[in-house]
Amino acid sequence: AEHKYIKQQKVAIKVINSDMVNDFTRQRLKEEAEHLA
């Protein structure tokens, strides 16, 4: 993906499979995101 306004800025976006998404995984990944950042 690229930034809408800064075209040179590119990122990778991982979309979690829908069959793995539930309240548990949302909470777990949210908690981990704070550490991973």
PDB file of all heavy atoms in Angstrom:
ATOM      1  N   ALA A   1       0.849  -1.197   0.000  1.00  0.00           N
ATOM      2  CA  ALA A   1       0.000   0.000   0.000  1.00  0.00           C
ATOM      3  C   ALA A   1       0.879   1.238   0.000  1.00  0.00           C
ATOM      4  O   ALA A   1       2.030   1.204   0.437  1.00  0.00           O
ATOM      5  CB  ALA A   1      -0.926  -0.006   1.217  1.00  0.00           C
ATOM      6  N   GLU A   2       0.308   2.337  -0.513  1.00  0.00           N
ATOM      7  CA  GLU A   2       1.054   3.591  -0.512  1.00  0.00           C
ATOM      8  C   GLU A   2       0.225   4.684   0.150  1.00  0.00           C
ATOM      9  O   GLU A   2      -1.014   4.641   0.159  1.00  0.00           O
ATOM     10  CB  GLU A   2       1.472   3.999  -1.927  1.00  0.00           C
ATOM     11  CG  GLU A   2       0.329   4.223  -2.878  1.00  0.00           C
ATOM     12  CD  GLU A   2       0.788   4.558  -4.291  1.00  0.00           C
ATOM     13  OE1 GLU A   2       1.925   4.177  -4.658  1.00  0.00           O
ATOM     14  OE2 GLU A   2       0.000   5.200  -5.011  1.00  0.00           O
ATOM     15  N   HIS A   3       0.917   5.643   0.712  1.00  0.00           N
ATOM     16  CA  HIS A   3       0.253   6.748   1.405  1.00  0.00           C
ATOM     17  C   HIS A   3      -0.552   7.571   0.393  1.00  0.00           C
ATOM     18  O   HIS A   3      -0.106   7.814  -0.722  1.00  0.00           O
ATOM     19  CB  HIS A   3       1.304   7.616   2.089  1.00  0.00           C
ATOM     20  CG  HIS A   3       0.749   8.484   3.163  1.00  0.00           C
ATOM     21  ND1 HIS A   3       0.070   9.660   2.893  1.00  0.00           N
ATOM     22  CD2 HIS A   3       0.758   8.356   4.526  1.00  0.00           C
ATOM     23  CE1 HIS A   3      -0.304  10.222   4.032  1.00  0.00           C
ATOM     24  NE2 HIS A   3       0.091   9.445   5.042  1.00  0.00           N
ATOM     25  N   LYS A   4      -1.741   7.976   0.812  1.00  0.00           N
ATOM     26  CA  LYS A   4      -2.621   8.705  -0.113  1.00  0.00           C
ATOM     27  C   LYS A   4      -2.034  10.037  -0.545  1.00  0.00           C
ATOM     28  O   LYS A   4      -2.285  10.501  -1.664  1.00  0.00           O
ATOM     29  CB  LYS A   4      -3.979   8.949   0.561  1.00  0.00           C
ATOM     30  CG  LYS A   4      -4.833   7.705   0.685  1.00  0.00           C
ATOM     31  CD  LYS A   4      -6.253   8.027   1.140  1.00  0.00           C
ATOM     32  CE  LYS A   4      -6.286   8.564   2.564  1.00  0.00           C
ATOM     33  NZ  LYS A   4      -7.697   8.801   3.018  1.00  0.00           N
ATOM     34  N   TYR A   5      -1.248  10.644   0.329  1.00  0.00           N
ATOM     35  CA  TYR A   5      -0.734  11.980   0.014  1.00  0.00           C
ATOM     36  C   TYR A   5       0.771  11.989  -0.235  1.00  0.00           C
ATOM     37  O   TYR A   5       1.284  12.889  -0.918  1.00  0.00           O
ATOM     38  CB  TYR A   5      -1.063  12.941   1.161  1.00  0.00           C
ATOM     39  CG  TYR A   5      -2.532  12.900   1.542  1.00  0.00           C
ATOM     40  CD1 TYR A   5      -2.927  12.400   2.776  1.00  0.00           C
ATOM     41  CD2 TYR A   5      -3.511  13.337   0.653  1.00  0.00           C
ATOM     42  CE1 TYR A   5      -4.270  12.352   3.138  1.00  0.00           C
ATOM     43  CE2 TYR A   5      -4.862  13.282   0.991  1.00  0.00           C
ATOM     44  CZ  TYR A   5      -5.237  12.785   2.230  1.00  0.00           C
ATOM     45  OH  TYR A   5      -6.570  12.722   2.565  1.00  0.00           O
ATOM     46  N   ILE A   6       1.465  11.019   0.334  1.00  0.00           N
ATOM     47  CA  ILE A   6       2.919  10.939   0.125  1.00  0.00           C
ATOM     48  C   ILE A   6       3.180   9.635  -0.628  1.00  0.00           C
ATOM     49  O   ILE A   6       3.376   8.574  -0.034  1.00  0.00           O
ATOM     50  CB  ILE A   6       3.675  10.950   1.475  1.00  0.00           C
ATOM     51  CG1 ILE A   6       3.208  12.118   2.342  1.00  0.00           C
ATOM     52  CG2 ILE A   6       5.189  11.014   1.246  1.00  0.00           C
ATOM     53  CD1 ILE A   6       3.743  12.084   3.752  1.00  0.00           C
ATOM     54  N   LYS A   7       3.150   9.700  -1.941  1.00  0.00           N
ATOM     55  CA  LYS A   7       3.171   8.489  -2.768  1.00  0.00           C
ATOM     56  C   LYS A   7       4.446   7.662  -2.586  1.00  0.00           C
ATOM     57  O   LYS A   7       4.450   6.454  -2.802  1.00  0.00           O
ATOM     58  CB  LYS A   7       3.020   8.877  -4.253  1.00  0.00           C
ATOM     59  CG  LYS A   7       1.716   9.579  -4.581  1.00  0.00           C
ATOM     60  CD  LYS A   7       0.513   8.707  -4.271  1.00  0.00           C
ATOM     61  CE  LYS A   7      -0.790   9.385  -4.680  1.00  0.00           C
ATOM     62  NZ  LYS A   7      -1.987   8.568  -4.333  1.00  0.00           N
ATOM     63  N   GLN A   8       5.536   8.326  -2.213  1.00  0.00           N
ATOM     64  CA  GLN A   8       6.790   7.591  -2.046  1.00  0.00           C
ATOM     65  C   GLN A   8       6.790   6.722  -0.780  1.00  0.00           C
ATOM     66  O   GLN A   8       7.622   5.836  -0.629  1.00  0.00           O
ATOM     67  CB  GLN A   8       7.983   8.559  -1.983  1.00  0.00           C
ATOM     68  CG  GLN A   8       8.231   9.350  -3.259  1.00  0.00           C
ATOM     69  CD  GLN A   8       7.361  10.605  -3.324  1.00  0.00           C
ATOM     70  OE1 GLN A   8       6.525  10.824  -2.457  1.00  0.00           O
ATOM     71  NE2 GLN A   8       7.562  11.405  -4.370  1.00  0.00           N
ATOM     72  N   GLN A   9       5.863   6.985   0.118  1.00  0.00           N
ATOM     73  CA  GLN A   9       5.818   6.245   1.379  1.00  0.00           C
ATOM     74  C   GLN A   9       4.972   4.981   1.202  1.00  0.00           C
ATOM     75  O   GLN A   9       3.765   5.050   1.002  1.00  0.00           O
ATOM     76  CB  GLN A   9       5.230   7.108   2.501  1.00  0.00           C
ATOM     77  CG  GLN A   9       5.336   6.451   3.865  1.00  0.00           C
ATOM     78  CD  GLN A   9       4.789   7.336   4.959  1.00  0.00           C
ATOM     79  OE1 GLN A   9       3.763   7.034   5.544  1.00  0.00           O
ATOM     80  NE2 GLN A   9       5.480   8.443   5.232  1.00  0.00           N
ATOM     81  N   LYS A  10       5.646   3.841   1.269  1.00  0.00           N
ATOM     82  CA  LYS A  10       4.969   2.559   1.057  1.00  0.00           C
ATOM     83  C   LYS A  10       4.994   1.743   2.342  1.00  0.00           C
ATOM     84  O   LYS A  10       5.953   1.821   3.120  1.00  0.00           O
ATOM     85  CB  LYS A  10       5.625   1.770  -0.081  1.00  0.00           C
ATOM     86  CG  LYS A  10       5.436   2.413  -1.456  1.00  0.00           C
ATOM     87  CD  LYS A  10       6.131   1.619  -2.538  1.00  0.00           C
ATOM     88  CE  LYS A  10       5.750   2.117  -3.927  1.00  0.00           C
ATOM     89  NZ  LYS A  10       6.003   3.544  -4.124  1.00  0.00           N
ATOM     90  N   VAL A  11       3.958   0.946   2.546  1.00  0.00           N
ATOM     91  CA  VAL A  11       3.877   0.063   3.696  1.00  0.00           C
ATOM     92  C   VAL A  11       3.349  -1.293   3.232  1.00  0.00           C
ATOM     93  O   VAL A  11       2.822  -1.437   2.130  1.00  0.00           O
ATOM     94  CB  VAL A  11       2.937   0.625   4.793  1.00  0.00           C
ATOM     95  CG1 VAL A  11       3.484   1.913   5.370  1.00  0.00           C
ATOM     96  CG2 VAL A  11       1.517   0.793   4.267  1.00  0.00           C
ATOM     97  N   ALA A  12       3.517  -2.291   4.107  1.00  0.00           N
ATOM     98  CA  ALA A  12       2.898  -3.597   3.890  1.00  0.00           C
ATOM     99  C   ALA A  12       1.746  -3.713   4.882  1.00  0.00           C
ATOM    100  O   ALA A  12       1.900  -3.408   6.063  1.00  0.00           O
ATOM    101  CB  ALA A  12       3.916  -4.710   4.116  1.00  0.00           C
ATOM    102  N   ILE A  13       0.599  -4.127   4.385  1.00  0.00           N
ATOM    103  CA  ILE A  13      -0.571  -4.284   5.247  1.00  0.00           C
ATOM    104  C   ILE A  13      -0.973  -5.748   5.267  1.00  0.00           C
ATOM    105  O   ILE A  13      -1.262  -6.342   4.219  1.00  0.00           O
ATOM    106  CB  ILE A  13      -1.753  -3.426   4.761  1.00  0.00           C
ATOM    107  CG1 ILE A  13      -1.378  -1.944   4.818  1.00  0.00           C
ATOM    108  CG2 ILE A  13      -3.005  -3.707   5.606  1.00  0.00           C
ATOM    109  CD1 ILE A  13      -2.484  -1.009   4.354  1.00  0.00           C
ATOM    110  N   LYS A  14      -0.973  -6.328   6.456  1.00  0.00           N
ATOM    111  CA  LYS A  14      -1.393  -7.717   6.620  1.00  0.00           C
ATOM    112  C   LYS A  14      -2.851  -7.733   7.056  1.00  0.00           C
ATOM    113  O   LYS A  14      -3.211  -7.149   8.085  1.00  0.00           O
ATOM    114  CB  LYS A  14      -0.525  -8.442   7.643  1.00  0.00           C
ATOM    115  CG  LYS A  14      -0.838  -9.930   7.739  1.00  0.00           C
ATOM    116  CD  LYS A  14       0.296 -10.687   8.411  1.00  0.00           C
ATOM    117  CE  LYS A  14       0.156 -12.170   8.183  1.00  0.00           C
ATOM    118  NZ  LYS A  14       1.318 -12.926   8.640  1.00  0.00           N
ATOM    119  N   VAL A  15      -3.670  -8.400   6.268  1.00  0.00           N
ATOM    120  CA  VAL A  15      -5.085  -8.530   6.569  1.00  0.00           C
ATOM    121  C   VAL A  15      -5.309  -9.921   7.135  1.00  0.00           C
ATOM    122  O   VAL A  15      -5.076 -10.924   6.451  1.00  0.00           O
ATOM    123  CB  VAL A  15      -5.955  -8.317   5.313  1.00  0.00           C
ATOM    124  CG1 VAL A  15      -7.440  -8.361   5.681  1.00  0.00           C
ATOM    125  CG2 VAL A  15      -5.601  -6.996   4.639  1.00  0.00           C
ATOM    126  N   ILE A  16      -5.736 -10.009   8.379  1.00  0.00           N
ATOM    127  CA  ILE A  16      -5.924 -11.298   9.037  1.00  0.00           C
ATOM    128  C   ILE A  16      -7.123 -12.023   8.421  1.00  0.00           C
ATOM    129  O   ILE A  16      -8.180 -11.412   8.179  1.00  0.00           O
ATOM    130  CB  ILE A  16      -6.138 -11.111  10.559  1.00  0.00           C
ATOM    131  CG1 ILE A  16      -4.975 -10.324  11.164  1.00  0.00           C
ATOM    132  CG2 ILE A  16      -6.281 -12.476  11.244  1.00  0.00           C
ATOM    133  CD1 ILE A  16      -3.619 -10.942  10.989  1.00  0.00           C
ATOM    134  N   ASN A  17      -6.939 -13.325   8.152  1.00  0.00           N
ATOM    135  CA  ASN A  17      -8.021 -14.114   7.569  1.00  0.00           C
ATOM    136  C   ASN A  17      -9.280 -14.031   8.425  1.00  0.00           C
ATOM    137  O   ASN A  17      -9.221 -14.092   9.658  1.00  0.00           O
ATOM    138  CB  ASN A  17      -7.602 -15.588   7.442  1.00  0.00           C
ATOM    139  CG  ASN A  17      -6.556 -15.795   6.366  1.00  0.00           C
ATOM    140  OD1 ASN A  17      -6.441 -14.994   5.434  1.00  0.00           O
ATOM    141  ND2 ASN A  17      -5.778 -16.850   6.493  1.00  0.00           N
ATOM    142  N   SER A  18     -10.417 -13.916   7.758  1.00  0.00           N
ATOM    143  CA  SER A  18     -11.682 -13.732   8.478  1.00  0.00           C
ATOM    144  C   SER A  18     -12.008 -14.900   9.395  1.00  0.00           C
ATOM    145  O   SER A  18     -12.620 -14.711  10.448  1.00  0.00           O
ATOM    146  CB  SER A  18     -12.826 -13.529   7.475  1.00  0.00           C
ATOM    147  OG  SER A  18     -12.913 -14.646   6.588  1.00  0.00           O
ATOM    148  N   ASP A  19     -11.578 -16.125   9.021  1.00  0.00           N
ATOM    149  CA  ASP A  19     -11.890 -17.279   9.865  1.00  0.00           C
ATOM    150  C   ASP A  19     -11.084 -17.301  11.153  1.00  0.00           C
ATOM    151  O   ASP A  19     -11.329 -18.119  12.042  1.00  0.00           O
ATOM    152  CB  ASP A  19     -11.707 -18.583   9.099  1.00  0.00           C
ATOM    153  CG  ASP A  19     -10.280 -18.780   8.586  1.00  0.00           C
ATOM    154  OD1 ASP A  19      -9.483 -17.829   8.664  1.00  0.00           O
ATOM    155  OD2 ASP A  19      -9.958 -19.890   8.116  1.00  0.00           O
ATOM    156  N   MET A  20     -10.084 -16.413  11.254  1.00  0.00           N
ATOM    157  CA  MET A  20      -9.280 -16.331  12.474  1.00  0.00           C
ATOM    158  C   MET A  20      -9.670 -15.135  13.337  1.00  0.00           C
ATOM    159  O   MET A  20      -9.135 -14.949  14.426  1.00  0.00           O
ATOM    160  CB  MET A  20      -7.790 -16.231  12.132  1.00  0.00           C
ATOM    161  CG  MET A  20      -7.230 -17.459  11.426  1.00  0.00           C
ATOM    162  SD  MET A  20      -5.433 -17.403  11.325  1.00  0.00           S
ATOM    163  CE  MET A  20      -4.979 -17.608  13.046  1.00  0.00           C
ATOM    164  N   VAL A  21     -10.591 -14.337  12.838  1.00  0.00           N
ATOM    165  CA  VAL A  21     -10.957 -13.116  13.554  1.00  0.00           C
ATOM    166  C   VAL A  21     -12.122 -13.397  14.499  1.00  0.00           C
ATOM    167  O   VAL A  21     -13.192 -13.861  14.093  1.00  0.00           O
ATOM    168  CB  VAL A  21     -11.342 -11.999  12.570  1.00  0.00           C
ATOM    169  CG1 VAL A  21     -11.833 -10.771  13.333  1.00  0.00           C
ATOM    170  CG2 VAL A  21     -10.149 -11.628  11.695  1.00  0.00           C
ATOM    171  N   ASN A  22     -11.893 -13.143  15.769  1.00  0.00           N
ATOM    172  CA  ASN A  22     -12.939 -13.224  16.784  1.00  0.00           C
ATOM    173  C   ASN A  22     -12.549 -12.273  17.910  1.00  0.00           C
ATOM    174  O   ASN A  22     -11.515 -11.596  17.843  1.00  0.00           O
ATOM    175  CB  ASN A  22     -13.117 -14.666  17.290  1.00  0.00           C
ATOM    176  CG  ASN A  22     -11.804 -15.291  17.736  1.00  0.00           C
ATOM    177  OD1 ASN A  22     -11.028 -14.671  18.475  1.00  0.00           O
ATOM    178  ND2 ASN A  22     -11.525 -16.507  17.281  1.00  0.00           N
ATOM    179  N   ASP A  23     -13.364 -12.220  18.921  1.00  0.00           N
ATOM    180  CA  ASP A  23     -13.082 -11.287  20.015  1.00  0.00           C
ATOM    181  C   ASP A  23     -11.738 -11.585  20.681  1.00  0.00           C
ATOM    182  O   ASP A  23     -11.011 -10.676  21.089  1.00  0.00           O
ATOM    183  CB  ASP A  23     -14.210 -11.355  21.059  1.00  0.00           C
ATOM    184  CG  ASP A  23     -15.512 -10.757  20.534  1.00  0.00           C
ATOM    185  OD1 ASP A  23     -15.444  -9.990  19.547  1.00  0.00           O
ATOM    186  OD2 ASP A  23     -16.580 -11.059  21.097  1.00  0.00           O
ATOM    187  N   PHE A  24     -11.396 -12.890  20.763  1.00  0.00           N
ATOM    188  CA  PHE A  24     -10.131 -13.275  21.394  1.00  0.00           C
ATOM    189  C   PHE A  24      -8.941 -12.768  20.593  1.00  0.00           C
ATOM    190  O   PHE A  24      -8.013 -12.161  21.142  1.00  0.00           O
ATOM    191  CB  PHE A  24     -10.065 -14.797  21.541  1.00  0.00           C
ATOM    192  CG  PHE A  24      -8.731 -15.300  22.008  1.00  0.00           C
ATOM    193  CD1 PHE A  24      -8.361 -15.210  23.346  1.00  0.00           C
ATOM    194  CD2 PHE A  24      -7.821 -15.850  21.117  1.00  0.00           C
ATOM    195  CE1 PHE A  24      -7.126 -15.658  23.776  1.00  0.00           C
ATOM    196  CE2 PHE A  24      -6.584 -16.303  21.536  1.00  0.00           C
ATOM    197  CZ  PHE A  24      -6.240 -16.211  22.872  1.00  0.00           C
ATOM    198  N   THR A  25      -8.959 -13.024  19.262  1.00  0.00           N
ATOM    199  CA  THR A  25      -7.810 -12.605  18.446  1.00  0.00           C
ATOM    200  C   THR A  25      -7.719 -11.085  18.366  1.00  0.00           C
ATOM    201  O   THR A  25      -6.610 -10.527  18.324  1.00  0.00           O
ATOM    202  CB  THR A  25      -7.881 -13.201  17.024  1.00  0.00           C
ATOM    203  OG1 THR A  25      -9.141 -12.858  16.422  1.00  0.00           O
ATOM    204  CG2 THR A  25      -7.716 -14.706  17.054  1.00  0.00           C
ATOM    205  N   ARG A  26      -8.860 -10.412  18.330  1.00  0.00           N
ATOM    206  CA  ARG A  26      -8.814  -8.943  18.318  1.00  0.00           C
ATOM    207  C   ARG A  26      -8.125  -8.410  19.568  1.00  0.00           C
ATOM    208  O   ARG A  26      -7.271  -7.527  19.493  1.00  0.00           O
ATOM    209  CB  ARG A  26     -10.233  -8.375  18.217  1.00  0.00           C
ATOM    210  CG  ARG A  26     -10.887  -8.543  16.853  1.00  0.00           C
ATOM    211  CD  ARG A  26     -12.167  -7.728  16.757  1.00  0.00           C
ATOM    212  NE  ARG A  26     -12.916  -8.069  15.554  1.00  0.00           N
ATOM    213  CZ  ARG A  26     -13.911  -8.950  15.514  1.00  0.00           C
ATOM    214  NH1 ARG A  26     -14.283  -9.570  16.631  1.00  0.00           N
ATOM    215  NH2 ARG A  26     -14.533  -9.202  14.391  1.00  0.00           N
ATOM    216  N   GLN A  27      -8.516  -8.957  20.724  1.00  0.00           N
ATOM    217  CA  GLN A  27      -7.935  -8.496  21.978  1.00  0.00           C
ATOM    218  C   GLN A  27      -6.463  -8.871  22.068  1.00  0.00           C
ATOM    219  O   GLN A  27      -5.627  -8.069  22.482  1.00  0.00           O
ATOM    220  CB  GLN A  27      -8.700  -9.088  23.166  1.00  0.00           C
ATOM    221  CG  GLN A  27      -8.209  -8.629  24.536  1.00  0.00           C
ATOM    222  CD  GLN A  27      -8.282  -7.126  24.727  1.00  0.00           C
ATOM    223  OE1 GLN A  27      -9.164  -6.463  24.146  1.00  0.00           O
ATOM    224  NE2 GLN A  27      -7.356  -6.565  25.502  1.00  0.00           N
ATOM    225  N   ARG A  28      -6.150 -10.116  21.635  1.00  0.00           N
ATOM    226  CA  ARG A  28      -4.765 -10.590  21.720  1.00  0.00           C
ATOM    227  C   ARG A  28      -3.844  -9.749  20.841  1.00  0.00           C
ATOM    228  O   ARG A  28      -2.774  -9.309  21.271  1.00  0.00           O
ATOM    229  CB  ARG A  28      -4.702 -12.061  21.305  1.00  0.00           C
ATOM    230  CG  ARG A  28      -3.300 -12.636  21.352  1.00  0.00           C
ATOM    231  CD  ARG A  28      -3.325 -14.117  21.083  1.00  0.00           C
ATOM    232  NE  ARG A  28      -1.980 -14.657  21.154  1.00  0.00           N
ATOM    233  CZ  ARG A  28      -1.670 -15.850  21.655  1.00  0.00           C
ATOM    234  NH1 ARG A  28      -2.618 -16.604  22.159  1.00  0.00           N
ATOM    235  NH2 ARG A  28      -0.431 -16.272  21.668  1.00  0.00           N
ATOM    236  N   LEU A  29      -4.253  -9.508  19.599  1.00  0.00           N
ATOM    237  CA  LEU A  29      -3.407  -8.740  18.688  1.00  0.00           C
ATOM    238  C   LEU A  29      -3.323  -7.280  19.111  1.00  0.00           C
ATOM    239  O   LEU A  29      -2.288  -6.630  18.908  1.00  0.00           O
ATOM    240  CB  LEU A  29      -3.938  -8.861  17.261  1.00  0.00           C
ATOM    241  CG  LEU A  29      -3.668 -10.211  16.595  1.00  0.00           C
ATOM    242  CD1 LEU A  29      -4.391 -10.306  15.259  1.00  0.00           C
ATOM    243  CD2 LEU A  29      -2.175 -10.420  16.388  1.00  0.00           C
ATOM    244  N   LYS A  30      -4.379  -6.751  19.705  1.00  0.00           N
ATOM    245  CA  LYS A  30      -4.327  -5.371  20.199  1.00  0.00           C
ATOM    246  C   LYS A  30      -3.276  -5.245  21.301  1.00  0.00           C
ATOM    247  O   LYS A  30      -2.477  -4.299  21.326  1.00  0.00           O
ATOM    248  CB  LYS A  30      -5.694  -4.954  20.717  1.00  0.00           C
ATOM    249  CG  LYS A  30      -5.740  -3.540  21.290  1.00  0.00           C
ATOM    250  CD  LYS A  30      -7.145  -3.202  21.761  1.00  0.00           C
ATOM    251  CE  LYS A  30      -7.193  -1.779  22.332  1.00  0.00           C
ATOM    252  NZ  LYS A  30      -6.357  -1.650  23.554  1.00  0.00           N
ATOM    253  N   GLU A  31      -3.260  -6.207  22.221  1.00  0.00           N
ATOM    254  CA  GLU A  31      -2.286  -6.185  23.304  1.00  0.00           C
ATOM    255  C   GLU A  31      -0.870  -6.321  22.764  1.00  0.00           C
ATOM    256  O   GLU A  31       0.060  -5.622  23.206  1.00  0.00           O
ATOM    257  CB  GLU A  31      -2.585  -7.310  24.302  1.00  0.00           C
ATOM    258  CG  GLU A  31      -3.880  -7.099  25.087  1.00  0.00           C
ATOM    259  CD  GLU A  31      -4.272  -8.318  25.899  1.00  0.00           C
ATOM    260  OE1 GLU A  31      -3.579  -9.365  25.745  1.00  0.00           O
ATOM    261  OE2 GLU A  31      -5.249  -8.255  26.656  1.00  0.00           O
ATOM    262  N   GLU A  32      -0.708  -7.224  21.796  1.00  0.00           N
ATOM    263  CA  GLU A  32       0.633  -7.423  21.236  1.00  0.00           C
ATOM    264  C   GLU A  32       1.080  -6.223  20.423  1.00  0.00           C
ATOM    265  O   GLU A  32       2.272  -5.894  20.387  1.00  0.00           O
ATOM    266  CB  GLU A  32       0.667  -8.695  20.389  1.00  0.00           C
ATOM    267  CG  GLU A  32       0.531  -9.956  21.215  1.00  0.00           C
ATOM    268  CD  GLU A  32       0.905 -11.207  20.438  1.00  0.00           C
ATOM    269  OE1 GLU A  32       1.318 -11.072  19.278  1.00  0.00           O
ATOM    270  OE2 GLU A  32       0.790 -12.289  21.018  1.00  0.00           O
ATOM    271  N   ALA A  33       0.132  -5.563  19.752  1.00  0.00           N
ATOM    272  CA  ALA A  33       0.491  -4.409  18.933  1.00  0.00           C
ATOM    273  C   ALA A  33       1.197  -3.341  19.758  1.00  0.00           C
ATOM    274  O   ALA A  33       2.136  -2.683  19.287  1.00  0.00           O
ATOM    275  CB  ALA A  33      -0.764  -3.829  18.284  1.00  0.00           C
ATOM    276  N   GLU A  34       0.759  -3.163  21.011  1.00  0.00           N
ATOM    277  CA  GLU A  34       1.387  -2.178  21.886  1.00  0.00           C
ATOM    278  C   GLU A  34       2.848  -2.521  22.144  1.00  0.00           C
ATOM    279  O   GLU A  34       3.695  -1.634  22.250  1.00  0.00           O
ATOM    280  CB  GLU A  34       0.610  -2.093  23.198  1.00  0.00           C
ATOM    281  CG  GLU A  34      -0.821  -1.589  23.026  1.00  0.00           C
ATOM    282  CD  GLU A  34      -1.610  -1.652  24.326  1.00  0.00           C
ATOM    283  OE1 GLU A  34      -1.035  -2.104  25.339  1.00  0.00           O
ATOM    284  OE2 GLU A  34      -2.783  -1.244  24.323  1.00  0.00           O
ATOM    285  N   HIS A  35       3.146  -3.825  22.269  1.00  0.00           N
ATOM    286  CA  HIS A  35       4.530  -4.248  22.490  1.00  0.00           C
ATOM    287  C   HIS A  35       5.334  -4.208  21.186  1.00  0.00           C
ATOM    288  O   HIS A  35       6.478  -3.757  21.160  1.00  0.00           O
ATOM    289  CB  HIS A  35       4.565  -5.656  23.076  1.00  0.00           C
ATOM    290  CG  HIS A  35       4.064  -5.740  24.482  1.00  0.00           C
ATOM    291  ND1 HIS A  35       2.733  -5.790  24.777  1.00  0.00           N
ATOM    292  CD2 HIS A  35       4.730  -5.760  25.662  1.00  0.00           C
ATOM    293  CE1 HIS A  35       2.585  -5.852  26.095  1.00  0.00           C
ATOM    294  NE2 HIS A  35       3.778  -5.825  26.662  1.00  0.00           N
ATOM    295  N   LEU A  36       4.712  -4.663  20.105  1.00  0.00           N
ATOM    296  CA  LEU A  36       5.434  -4.735  18.836  1.00  0.00           C
ATOM    297  C   LEU A  36       5.819  -3.355  18.332  1.00  0.00           C
ATOM    298  O   LEU A  36       6.861  -3.183  17.692  1.00  0.00           O
ATOM    299  CB  LEU A  36       4.581  -5.461  17.788  1.00  0.00           C
ATOM    300  CG  LEU A  36       4.250  -6.923  18.109  1.00  0.00           C
ATOM    301  CD1 LEU A  36       3.230  -7.476  17.131  1.00  0.00           C
ATOM    302  CD2 LEU A  36       5.513  -7.774  18.094  1.00  0.00           C
ATOM    303  N   ALA A  37       4.979  -2.362  18.626  1.00  0.00           N
ATOM    304  CA  ALA A  37       5.283  -1.002  18.185  1.00  0.00           C
ATOM    305  C   ALA A  37       6.536  -0.456  18.857  1.00  0.00           C
ATOM    306  O   ALA A  37       7.157   0.490  18.364  1.00  0.00           O
ATOM    307  CB  ALA A  37       4.095  -0.088  18.466  1.00  0.00           C
TER     308      ALA A  37
END
